[in-house]
Every structure is written in C-alpha cells, then in structure tokens.
PDB file of N, CA and C in Angstrom:
ATOM      1  N   MET A   1    -129.908-154.244 -67.146  1.00  0.00           N
ATOM      2  CA  MET A   1    -129.365-153.761 -65.879  1.00  0.00           C
ATOM      3  C   MET A   1    -129.341-154.938 -64.908  1.00  0.00           C
ATOM      4  N   ALA A   2    -128.215-155.164 -64.297  1.00  0.00           N
ATOM      5  CA  ALA A   2    -128.024-156.285 -63.382  1.00  0.00           C
ATOM      6  C   ALA A   2    -128.357-155.867 -61.950  1.00  0.00           C
ATOM      7  N   THR A   3    -129.266-156.586 -61.309  1.00  0.00           N
ATOM      8  CA  THR A   3    -129.556-156.363 -59.898  1.00  0.00           C
ATOM      9  C   THR A   3    -128.596-157.231 -59.099  1.00  0.00           C
ATOM     10  N   LEU A   4    -127.666-156.595 -58.403  1.00  0.00           N
ATOM     11  CA  LEU A   4    -126.622-157.313 -57.667  1.00  0.00           C
ATOM     12  C   LEU A   4    -127.063-157.754 -56.286  1.00  0.00           C
ATOM     13  N   SER A   5    -127.844-156.908 -55.601  1.00  0.00           N
ATOM     14  CA  SER A   5    -128.212-157.220 -54.227  1.00  0.00           C
ATOM     15  C   SER A   5    -129.401-156.357 -53.801  1.00  0.00           C
ATOM     16  N   MET A   6    -130.087-156.826 -52.760  1.00  0.00           N
ATOM     17  CA  MET A   6    -131.178-156.062 -52.155  1.00  0.00           C
ATOM     18  C   MET A   6    -131.121-156.279 -50.650  1.00  0.00           C
ATOM     19  N   PHE A   7    -131.219-155.193 -49.889  1.00  0.00           N
ATOM     20  CA  PHE A   7    -131.231-155.287 -48.430  1.00  0.00           C
ATOM     21  C   PHE A   7    -131.898-154.053 -47.845  1.00  0.00           C
ATOM     22  N   PHE A   8    -132.699-154.258 -46.818  1.00  0.00           N
ATOM     23  CA  PHE A   8    -133.405-153.183 -46.111  1.00  0.00           C
ATOM     24  C   PHE A   8    -134.163-152.255 -47.068  1.00  0.00           C
ATOM     25  N   GLY A   9    -134.728-152.823 -48.134  1.00  0.00           N
ATOM     26  CA  GLY A   9    -135.459-152.028 -49.115  1.00  0.00           C
ATOM     27  C   GLY A   9    -134.580-151.304 -50.120  1.00  0.00           C
ATOM     28  N   ILE A  10    -133.270-151.479 -50.008  1.00  0.00           N
ATOM     29  CA  ILE A  10    -132.306-150.845 -50.911  1.00  0.00           C
ATOM     30  C   ILE A  10    -132.011-151.818 -52.051  1.00  0.00           C
ATOM     31  N   VAL A  11    -132.072-151.335 -53.273  1.00  0.00           N
ATOM     32  CA  VAL A  11    -131.771-152.153 -54.450  1.00  0.00           C
ATOM     33  C   VAL A  11    -130.481-151.633 -55.063  1.00  0.00           C
ATOM     34  N   VAL A  12    -129.525-152.564 -55.275  1.00  0.00           N
ATOM     35  CA  VAL A  12    -128.219-152.209 -55.852  1.00  0.00           C
ATOM     36  C   VAL A  12    -128.135-152.817 -57.247  1.00  0.00           C
ATOM     37  N   LYS A  13    -127.913-151.964 -58.229  1.00  0.00           N
ATOM     38  CA  LYS A  13    -127.819-152.402 -59.622  1.00  0.00           C
ATOM     39  C   LYS A  13    -126.519-151.910 -60.237  1.00  0.00           C
ATOM     40  N   MET A  14    -126.181-152.545 -61.346  1.00  0.00           N
ATOM     41  CA  MET A  14    -124.978-152.124 -62.060  1.00  0.00           C
ATOM     42  C   MET A  14    -125.229-152.286 -63.550  1.00  0.00           C
ATOM     43  N   TYR A  15    -124.794-151.321 -64.301  1.00  0.00           N
ATOM     44  CA  TYR A  15    -124.781-151.423 -65.753  1.00  0.00           C
ATOM     45  C   TYR A  15    -123.789-150.408 -66.274  1.00  0.00           C
ATOM     46  N   LYS A  16    -123.292-150.685 -67.443  1.00  0.00           N
ATOM     47  CA  LYS A  16    -122.361-149.754 -68.075  1.00  0.00           C
ATOM     48  C   LYS A  16    -123.115-149.025 -69.180  1.00  0.00           C
ATOM     49  N   GLU A  17    -123.202-147.734 -69.047  1.00  0.00           N
ATOM     50  CA  GLU A  17    -123.870-146.922 -70.054  1.00  0.00           C
ATOM     51  C   GLU A  17    -122.873-146.630 -71.167  1.00  0.00           C
ATOM     52  N   ARG A  18    -123.249-146.950 -72.362  1.00  0.00           N
ATOM     53  CA  ARG A  18    -122.391-146.581 -73.487  1.00  0.00           C
ATOM     54  C   ARG A  18    -122.476-145.074 -73.649  1.00  0.00           C
ATOM     55  N   GLY A  19    -121.320-144.425 -73.580  1.00  0.00           N
ATOM     56  CA  GLY A  19    -121.293-142.977 -73.675  1.00  0.00           C
ATOM     57  C   GLY A  19    -121.890-142.297 -72.461  1.00  0.00           C
ATOM     58  N   GLY A  20    -122.044-143.034 -71.354  1.00  0.00           N
ATOM     59  CA  GLY A  20    -122.630-142.483 -70.136  1.00  0.00           C
ATOM     60  C   GLY A  20    -121.715-141.483 -69.462  1.00  0.00           C
ATOM     61  N   GLN A  21    -122.273-140.780 -68.504  1.00  0.00           N
ATOM     62  CA  GLN A  21    -121.503-139.728 -67.843  1.00  0.00           C
ATOM     63  C   GLN A  21    -120.513-140.267 -66.814  1.00  0.00           C
ATOM     64  N   HIS A  22    -120.720-141.499 -66.333  1.00  0.00           N
ATOM     65  CA  HIS A  22    -119.825-142.052 -65.319  1.00  0.00           C
ATOM     66  C   HIS A  22    -119.015-143.183 -65.942  1.00  0.00           C
ATOM     67  N   HIS A  23    -117.782-142.903 -66.276  1.00  0.00           N
ATOM     68  CA  HIS A  23    -116.951-143.900 -66.942  1.00  0.00           C
ATOM     69  C   HIS A  23    -116.189-144.769 -65.948  1.00  0.00           C
ATOM     70  N   ARG A  24    -116.147-144.362 -64.720  1.00  0.00           N
ATOM     71  CA  ARG A  24    -115.431-145.157 -63.725  1.00  0.00           C
ATOM     72  C   ARG A  24    -116.384-146.167 -63.090  1.00  0.00           C
ATOM     73  N   PRO A  25    -115.837-147.234 -62.494  1.00  0.00           N
ATOM     74  CA  PRO A  25    -116.692-148.265 -61.898  1.00  0.00           C
ATOM     75  C   PRO A  25    -117.621-147.686 -60.835  1.00  0.00           C
ATOM     76  N   HIS A  26    -118.920-147.986 -60.962  1.00  0.00           N
ATOM     77  CA  HIS A  26    -119.913-147.441 -60.040  1.00  0.00           C
ATOM     78  C   HIS A  26    -121.132-148.335 -59.976  1.00  0.00           C
ATOM     79  N   ILE A  27    -121.953-148.096 -58.970  1.00  0.00           N
ATOM     80  CA  ILE A  27    -123.226-148.800 -58.821  1.00  0.00           C
ATOM     81  C   ILE A  27    -124.357-147.787 -58.814  1.00  0.00           C
ATOM     82  N   HIS A  28    -125.558-148.303 -59.052  1.00  0.00           N
ATOM     83  CA  HIS A  28    -126.768-147.497 -58.982  1.00  0.00           C
ATOM     84  C   HIS A  28    -127.594-148.041 -57.830  1.00  0.00           C
ATOM     85  N   VAL A  29    -128.026-147.163 -56.948  1.00  0.00           N
ATOM     86  CA  VAL A  29    -128.737-147.571 -55.742  1.00  0.00           C
ATOM     87  C   VAL A  29    -130.081-146.850 -55.676  1.00  0.00           C
ATOM     88  N   GLN A  30    -131.121-147.595 -55.320  1.00  0.00           N
ATOM     89  CA  GLN A  30    -132.450-147.013 -55.159  1.00  0.00           C
ATOM     90  C   GLN A  30    -133.031-147.427 -53.821  1.00  0.00           C
ATOM     91  N   HIS A  31    -133.707-146.485 -53.186  1.00  0.00           N
ATOM     92  CA  HIS A  31    -134.494-146.795 -51.996  1.00  0.00           C
ATOM     93  C   HIS A  31    -135.648-145.811 -51.954  1.00  0.00           C
ATOM     94  N   ALA A  32    -136.856-146.351 -51.926  1.00  0.00           N
ATOM     95  CA  ALA A  32    -138.066-145.532 -51.957  1.00  0.00           C
ATOM     96  C   ALA A  32    -138.000-144.618 -53.177  1.00  0.00           C
ATOM     97  N   SER A  33    -138.106-143.323 -52.979  1.00  0.00           N
ATOM     98  CA  SER A  33    -138.114-142.394 -54.109  1.00  0.00           C
ATOM     99  C   SER A  33    -136.742-141.782 -54.380  1.00  0.00           C
ATOM    100  N   LYS A  34    -135.721-142.239 -53.671  1.00  0.00           N
ATOM    101  CA  LYS A  34    -134.383-141.665 -53.834  1.00  0.00           C
ATOM    102  C   LYS A  34    -133.479-142.635 -54.581  1.00  0.00           C
ATOM    103  N   ALA A  35    -132.518-142.077 -55.317  1.00  0.00           N
ATOM    104  CA  ALA A  35    -131.575-142.889 -56.081  1.00  0.00           C
ATOM    105  C   ALA A  35    -130.243-142.156 -56.176  1.00  0.00           C
ATOM    106  N   ALA A  36    -129.162-142.945 -56.309  1.00  0.00           N
ATOM    107  CA  ALA A  36    -127.833-142.365 -56.436  1.00  0.00           C
ATOM    108  C   ALA A  36    -126.923-143.306 -57.209  1.00  0.00           C
ATOM    109  N   SER A  37    -125.919-142.736 -57.840  1.00  0.00           N
ATOM    110  CA  SER A  37    -124.822-143.489 -58.448  1.00  0.00           C
ATOM    111  C   SER A  37    -123.618-143.268 -57.549  1.00  0.00           C
ATOM    112  N   ILE A  38    -122.920-144.374 -57.194  1.00  0.00           N
ATOM    113  CA  ILE A  38    -121.821-144.292 -56.236  1.00  0.00           C
ATOM    114  C   ILE A  38    -120.584-144.970 -56.805  1.00  0.00           C
ATOM    115  N   ASP A  39    -119.455-144.271 -56.769  1.00  0.00           N
ATOM    116  CA  ASP A  39    -118.170-144.783 -57.235  1.00  0.00           C
ATOM    117  C   ASP A  39    -117.727-145.953 -56.360  1.00  0.00           C
ATOM    118  N   ILE A  40    -117.313-147.050 -56.986  1.00  0.00           N
ATOM    119  CA  ILE A  40    -116.899-148.233 -56.238  1.00  0.00           C
ATOM    120  C   ILE A  40    -115.603-147.998 -55.471  1.00  0.00           C
ATOM    121  N   GLU A  41    -114.660-147.307 -56.067  1.00  0.00           N
ATOM    122  CA  GLU A  41    -113.355-147.097 -55.429  1.00  0.00           C
ATOM    123  C   GLU A  41    -113.407-146.094 -54.275  1.00  0.00           C
ATOM    124  N   THR A  42    -114.022-144.948 -54.525  1.00  0.00           N
ATOM    125  CA  THR A  42    -113.981-143.860 -53.543  1.00  0.00           C
ATOM    126  C   THR A  42    -115.239-143.771 -52.684  1.00  0.00           C
ATOM    127  N   ARG A  43    -116.299-144.441 -53.112  1.00  0.00           N
ATOM    128  CA  ARG A  43    -117.615-144.386 -52.472  1.00  0.00           C
ATOM    129  C   ARG A  43    -118.215-142.976 -52.522  1.00  0.00           C
ATOM    130  N   GLU A  44    -117.737-142.181 -53.454  1.00  0.00           N
ATOM    131  CA  GLU A  44    -118.262-140.833 -53.681  1.00  0.00           C
ATOM    132  C   GLU A  44    -119.600-140.936 -54.424  1.00  0.00           C
ATOM    133  N   VAL A  45    -120.558-140.123 -54.003  1.00  0.00           N
ATOM    134  CA  VAL A  45    -121.834-140.045 -54.712  1.00  0.00           C
ATOM    135  C   VAL A  45    -121.605-139.235 -55.984  1.00  0.00           C
ATOM    136  N   LEU A  46    -121.807-139.884 -57.120  1.00  0.00           N
ATOM    137  CA  LEU A  46    -121.564-139.236 -58.412  1.00  0.00           C
ATOM    138  C   LEU A  46    -122.776-138.455 -58.890  1.00  0.00           C
ATOM    139  N   ALA A  47    -123.947-138.945 -58.538  1.00  0.00           N
ATOM    140  CA  ALA A  47    -125.192-138.285 -58.944  1.00  0.00           C
ATOM    141  C   ALA A  47    -126.308-138.749 -58.018  1.00  0.00           C
ATOM    142  N   GLY A  48    -127.300-137.919 -57.832  1.00  0.00           N
ATOM    143  CA  GLY A  48    -128.450-138.271 -57.013  1.00  0.00           C
ATOM    144  C   GLY A  48    -128.175-138.122 -55.528  1.00  0.00           C
ATOM    145  N   GLU A  49    -129.055-138.726 -54.723  1.00  0.00           N
ATOM    146  CA  GLU A  49    -128.894-138.647 -53.271  1.00  0.00           C
ATOM    147  C   GLU A  49    -129.664-139.774 -52.601  1.00  0.00           C
ATOM    148  N   LEU A  50    -129.203-140.127 -51.417  1.00  0.00           N
ATOM    149  CA  LEU A  50    -129.873-141.085 -50.541  1.00  0.00           C
ATOM    150  C   LEU A  50    -129.931-140.474 -49.156  1.00  0.00           C
ATOM    151  N   ASP A  51    -130.855-140.958 -48.328  1.00  0.00           N
ATOM    152  CA  ASP A  51    -130.851-140.551 -46.930  1.00  0.00           C
ATOM    153  C   ASP A  51    -129.536-141.003 -46.295  1.00  0.00           C
ATOM    154  N   LYS A  52    -129.078-140.275 -45.283  1.00  0.00           N
ATOM    155  CA  LYS A  52    -127.789-140.567 -44.659  1.00  0.00           C
ATOM    156  C   LYS A  52    -127.705-142.004 -44.154  1.00  0.00           C
ATOM    157  N   ASP A  53    -128.731-142.500 -43.486  1.00  0.00           N
ATOM    158  CA  ASP A  53    -128.711-143.876 -42.974  1.00  0.00           C
ATOM    159  C   ASP A  53    -128.568-144.886 -44.106  1.00  0.00           C
ATOM    160  N   ASP A  54    -129.289-144.671 -45.199  1.00  0.00           N
ATOM    161  CA  ASP A  54    -129.199-145.580 -46.338  1.00  0.00           C
ATOM    162  C   ASP A  54    -127.816-145.502 -46.977  1.00  0.00           C
ATOM    163  N   LEU A  55    -127.294-144.312 -47.111  1.00  0.00           N
ATOM    164  CA  LEU A  55    -125.964-144.144 -47.697  1.00  0.00           C
ATOM    165  C   LEU A  55    -124.907-144.822 -46.830  1.00  0.00           C
ATOM    166  N   ASP A  56    -125.010-144.699 -45.525  1.00  0.00           N
ATOM    167  CA  ASP A  56    -124.070-145.364 -44.616  1.00  0.00           C
ATOM    168  C   ASP A  56    -124.135-146.882 -44.776  1.00  0.00           C
ATOM    169  N   LYS A  57    -125.339-147.432 -44.895  1.00  0.00           N
ATOM    170  CA  LYS A  57    -125.496-148.876 -45.096  1.00  0.00           C
ATOM    171  C   LYS A  57    -124.849-149.313 -46.400  1.00  0.00           C
ATOM    172  N   VAL A  58    -125.115-148.566 -47.460  1.00  0.00           N
ATOM    173  CA  VAL A  58    -124.566-148.917 -48.770  1.00  0.00           C
ATOM    174  C   VAL A  58    -123.035-148.835 -48.751  1.00  0.00           C
ATOM    175  N   LYS A  59    -122.494-147.795 -48.163  1.00  0.00           N
ATOM    176  CA  LYS A  59    -121.034-147.660 -48.114  1.00  0.00           C
ATOM    177  C   LYS A  59    -120.399-148.783 -47.292  1.00  0.00           C
ATOM    178  N   GLY A  60    -121.030-149.187 -46.204  1.00  0.00           N
ATOM    179  CA  GLY A  60    -120.532-150.306 -45.415  1.00  0.00           C
ATOM    180  C   GLY A  60    -120.566-151.596 -46.222  1.00  0.00           C
ATOM    181  N   TRP A  61    -121.669-151.834 -46.921  1.00  0.00           N
ATOM    182  CA  TRP A  61    -121.808-153.008 -47.768  1.00  0.00           C
ATOM    183  C   TRP A  61    -120.752-152.992 -48.872  1.00  0.00           C
ATOM    184  N   MET A  62    -120.507-151.818 -49.453  1.00  0.00           N
ATOM    185  CA  MET A  62    -119.498-151.694 -50.507  1.00  0.00           C
ATOM    186  C   MET A  62    -118.104-152.015 -49.985  1.00  0.00           C
ATOM    187  N   SER A  63    -117.810-151.624 -48.759  1.00  0.00           N
ATOM    188  CA  SER A  63    -116.506-151.925 -48.164  1.00  0.00           C
ATOM    189  C   SER A  63    -116.312-153.430 -48.033  1.00  0.00           C
ATOM    190  N   ILE A  64    -117.349-154.114 -47.585  1.00  0.00           N
ATOM    191  CA  ILE A  64    -117.280-155.566 -47.393  1.00  0.00           C
ATOM    192  C   ILE A  64    -117.119-156.286 -48.733  1.00  0.00           C
ATOM    193  N   HIS A  65    -117.782-155.794 -49.766  1.00  0.00           N
ATOM    194  CA  HIS A  65    -117.860-156.497 -51.052  1.00  0.00           C
ATOM    195  C   HIS A  65    -117.104-155.782 -52.177  1.00  0.00           C
ATOM    196  N   HIS A  66    -116.093-155.022 -51.841  1.00  0.00           N
ATOM    197  CA  HIS A  66    -115.339-154.232 -52.820  1.00  0.00           C
ATOM    198  C   HIS A  66    -114.831-155.068 -53.991  1.00  0.00           C
ATOM    199  N   GLU A  67    -114.161-156.169 -53.706  1.00  0.00           N
ATOM    200  CA  GLU A  67    -113.585-157.005 -54.772  1.00  0.00           C
ATOM    201  C   GLU A  67    -114.677-157.607 -55.655  1.00  0.00           C
ATOM    202  N   GLU A  68    -115.784-158.013 -55.061  1.00  0.00           N
ATOM    203  CA  GLU A  68    -116.892-158.580 -55.834  1.00  0.00           C
ATOM    204  C   GLU A  68    -117.517-157.529 -56.751  1.00  0.00           C
ATOM    205  N   LEU A  69    -117.613-156.309 -56.269  1.00  0.00           N
ATOM    206  CA  LEU A  69    -118.149-155.230 -57.093  1.00  0.00           C
ATOM    207  C   LEU A  69    -117.259-154.975 -58.304  1.00  0.00           C
ATOM    208  N   LEU A  70    -115.951-154.931 -58.084  1.00  0.00           N
ATOM    209  CA  LEU A  70    -115.026-154.726 -59.203  1.00  0.00           C
ATOM    210  C   LEU A  70    -115.074-155.896 -60.178  1.00  0.00           C
ATOM    211  N   ALA A  71    -115.177-157.115 -59.655  1.00  0.00           N
ATOM    212  CA  ALA A  71    -115.268-158.291 -60.526  1.00  0.00           C
ATOM    213  C   ALA A  71    -116.527-158.214 -61.389  1.00  0.00           C
ATOM    214  N   ASN A  72    -117.636-157.814 -60.797  1.00  0.00           N
ATOM    215  CA  ASN A  72    -118.872-157.663 -61.567  1.00  0.00           C
ATOM    216  C   ASN A  72    -118.733-156.579 -62.626  1.00  0.00           C
ATOM    217  N   TRP A  73    -118.091-155.486 -62.282  1.00  0.00           N
ATOM    218  CA  TRP A  73    -117.893-154.399 -63.252  1.00  0.00           C
ATOM    219  C   TRP A  73    -117.137-154.921 -64.468  1.00  0.00           C
ATOM    220  N   ASN A  74    -116.091-155.702 -64.218  1.00  0.00           N
ATOM    221  CA  ASN A  74    -115.294-156.247 -65.316  1.00  0.00           C
ATOM    222  C   ASN A  74    -116.081-157.292 -66.116  1.00  0.00           C
ATOM    223  N   LEU A  75    -116.844-158.131 -65.435  1.00  0.00           N
ATOM    224  CA  LEU A  75    -117.657-159.130 -66.133  1.00  0.00           C
ATOM    225  C   LEU A  75    -118.700-158.484 -67.032  1.00  0.00           C
ATOM    226  N   LEU A  76    -119.354-157.463 -66.529  1.00  0.00           N
ATOM    227  CA  LEU A  76    -120.376-156.791 -67.332  1.00  0.00           C
ATOM    228  C   LEU A  76    -119.778-156.205 -68.603  1.00  0.00           C
ATOM    229  N   GLY A  77    -118.549-155.713 -68.503  1.00  0.00           N
ATOM    230  CA  GLY A  77    -117.897-155.128 -69.668  1.00  0.00           C
ATOM    231  C   GLY A  77    -117.406-156.163 -70.654  1.00  0.00           C
ATOM    232  N   GLU A  78    -116.885-157.275 -70.159  1.00  0.00           N
ATOM    233  CA  GLU A  78    -116.286-158.280 -71.030  1.00  0.00           C
ATOM    234  C   GLU A  78    -117.309-159.276 -71.558  1.00  0.00           C
ATOM    235  N   GLU A  79    -118.156-159.782 -70.689  1.00  0.00           N
ATOM    236  CA  GLU A  79    -119.048-160.870 -71.063  1.00  0.00           C
ATOM    237  C   GLU A  79    -120.523-160.507 -70.979  1.00  0.00           C
ATOM    238  N   GLY A  80    -120.842-159.449 -70.305  1.00  0.00           N
ATOM    239  CA  GLY A  80    -122.238-159.091 -70.111  1.00  0.00           C
ATOM    240  C   GLY A  80    -122.922-159.930 -69.042  1.00  0.00           C
ATOM    241  N   THR A  81    -122.141-160.689 -68.283  1.00  0.00           N
ATOM    242  CA  THR A  81    -122.695-161.507 -67.208  1.00  0.00           C
ATOM    243  C   THR A  81    -122.353-160.874 -65.866  1.00  0.00           C
ATOM    244  N   TYR A  82    -122.963-161.396 -64.827  1.00  0.00           N
ATOM    245  CA  TYR A  82    -122.702-160.889 -63.481  1.00  0.00           C
ATOM    246  C   TYR A  82    -123.096-161.959 -62.481  1.00  0.00           C
ATOM    247  N   PHE A  83    -122.750-161.733 -61.223  1.00  0.00           N
ATOM    248  CA  PHE A  83    -123.181-162.634 -60.157  1.00  0.00           C
ATOM    249  C   PHE A  83    -123.768-161.810 -59.024  1.00  0.00           C
ATOM    250  N   LYS A  84    -124.679-162.429 -58.287  1.00  0.00           N
ATOM    251  CA  LYS A  84    -125.314-161.765 -57.139  1.00  0.00           C
ATOM    252  C   LYS A  84    -124.304-161.626 -56.004  1.00  0.00           C
ATOM    253  N   ILE A  85    -124.503-160.622 -55.172  1.00  0.00           N
ATOM    254  CA  ILE A  85    -123.651-160.374 -54.009  1.00  0.00           C
ATOM    255  C   ILE A  85    -124.519-160.438 -52.763  1.00  0.00           C
ATOM    256  N   GLU A  86    -124.004-161.075 -51.740  1.00  0.00           N
ATOM    257  CA  GLU A  86    -124.734-161.241 -50.474  1.00  0.00           C
ATOM    258  C   GLU A  86    -125.230-159.886 -49.959  1.00  0.00           C
ATOM    259  N   PRO A  87    -126.454-159.849 -49.466  1.00  0.00           N
ATOM    260  CA  PRO A  87    -126.979-158.592 -48.907  1.00  0.00           C
ATOM    261  C   PRO A  87    -126.365-158.287 -47.536  1.00  0.00           C
ATOM    262  N   LEU A  88    -126.546-157.063 -47.130  1.00  0.00           N
ATOM    263  CA  LEU A  88    -126.159-156.648 -45.789  1.00  0.00           C
ATOM    264  C   LEU A  88    -127.181-157.223 -44.816  1.00  0.00           C
ATOM    265  N   ARG A  89    -126.708-157.789 -43.742  1.00  0.00           N
ATOM    266  CA  ARG A  89    -127.621-158.410 -42.766  1.00  0.00           C
ATOM    267  C   ARG A  89    -127.482-157.744 -41.426  1.00  0.00           C
TER     268      ARG A  89
END
C-alpha cells in the first residue's frame, strides 16, 4: 500500500485491490479511528466515513492534486510504483 501524503493527522494511501469492490480510481484515507475510500473523479465516499472537517480537507486536497492522483493510480497499475504528493498546508 502506497502512502501518498500525510497532513493534519490524515493519512492518504492508495492501492489497487485485485478483485476489490472499488474498481474506479480511489484513495484510502485514515484519521484517528475513522477511515474512508474516496473516488478520485467524483470525490464521493465509496465506503467508510470521516468527520466533516476532515472530509472537507481531503476533498480540497484532492481538487488541488487531481492530476497527480490519477497519475499515481495509473503508475500503481502499470509499474507498481508511485510518487509522494505535497500535503495540505
């Protein structure tokens, strides 16, 4: 599992599950005891939950880094490599 970024205690990871339930590009986000999977394109929560403030931060960060997230999704599928993405400041 690739850790892409960390900010304000939020950890953003990405991996492709073989035969997983989410086939579209998405990230996995954790903060404290809460976790969610979020679609990169629509920013829809696919599974789990986050506090509203944390979800707003993540969605804002996703807007800023949309192209980088998609590039990482493609890299993980083709080469199994990834690159870090700047945290939200």
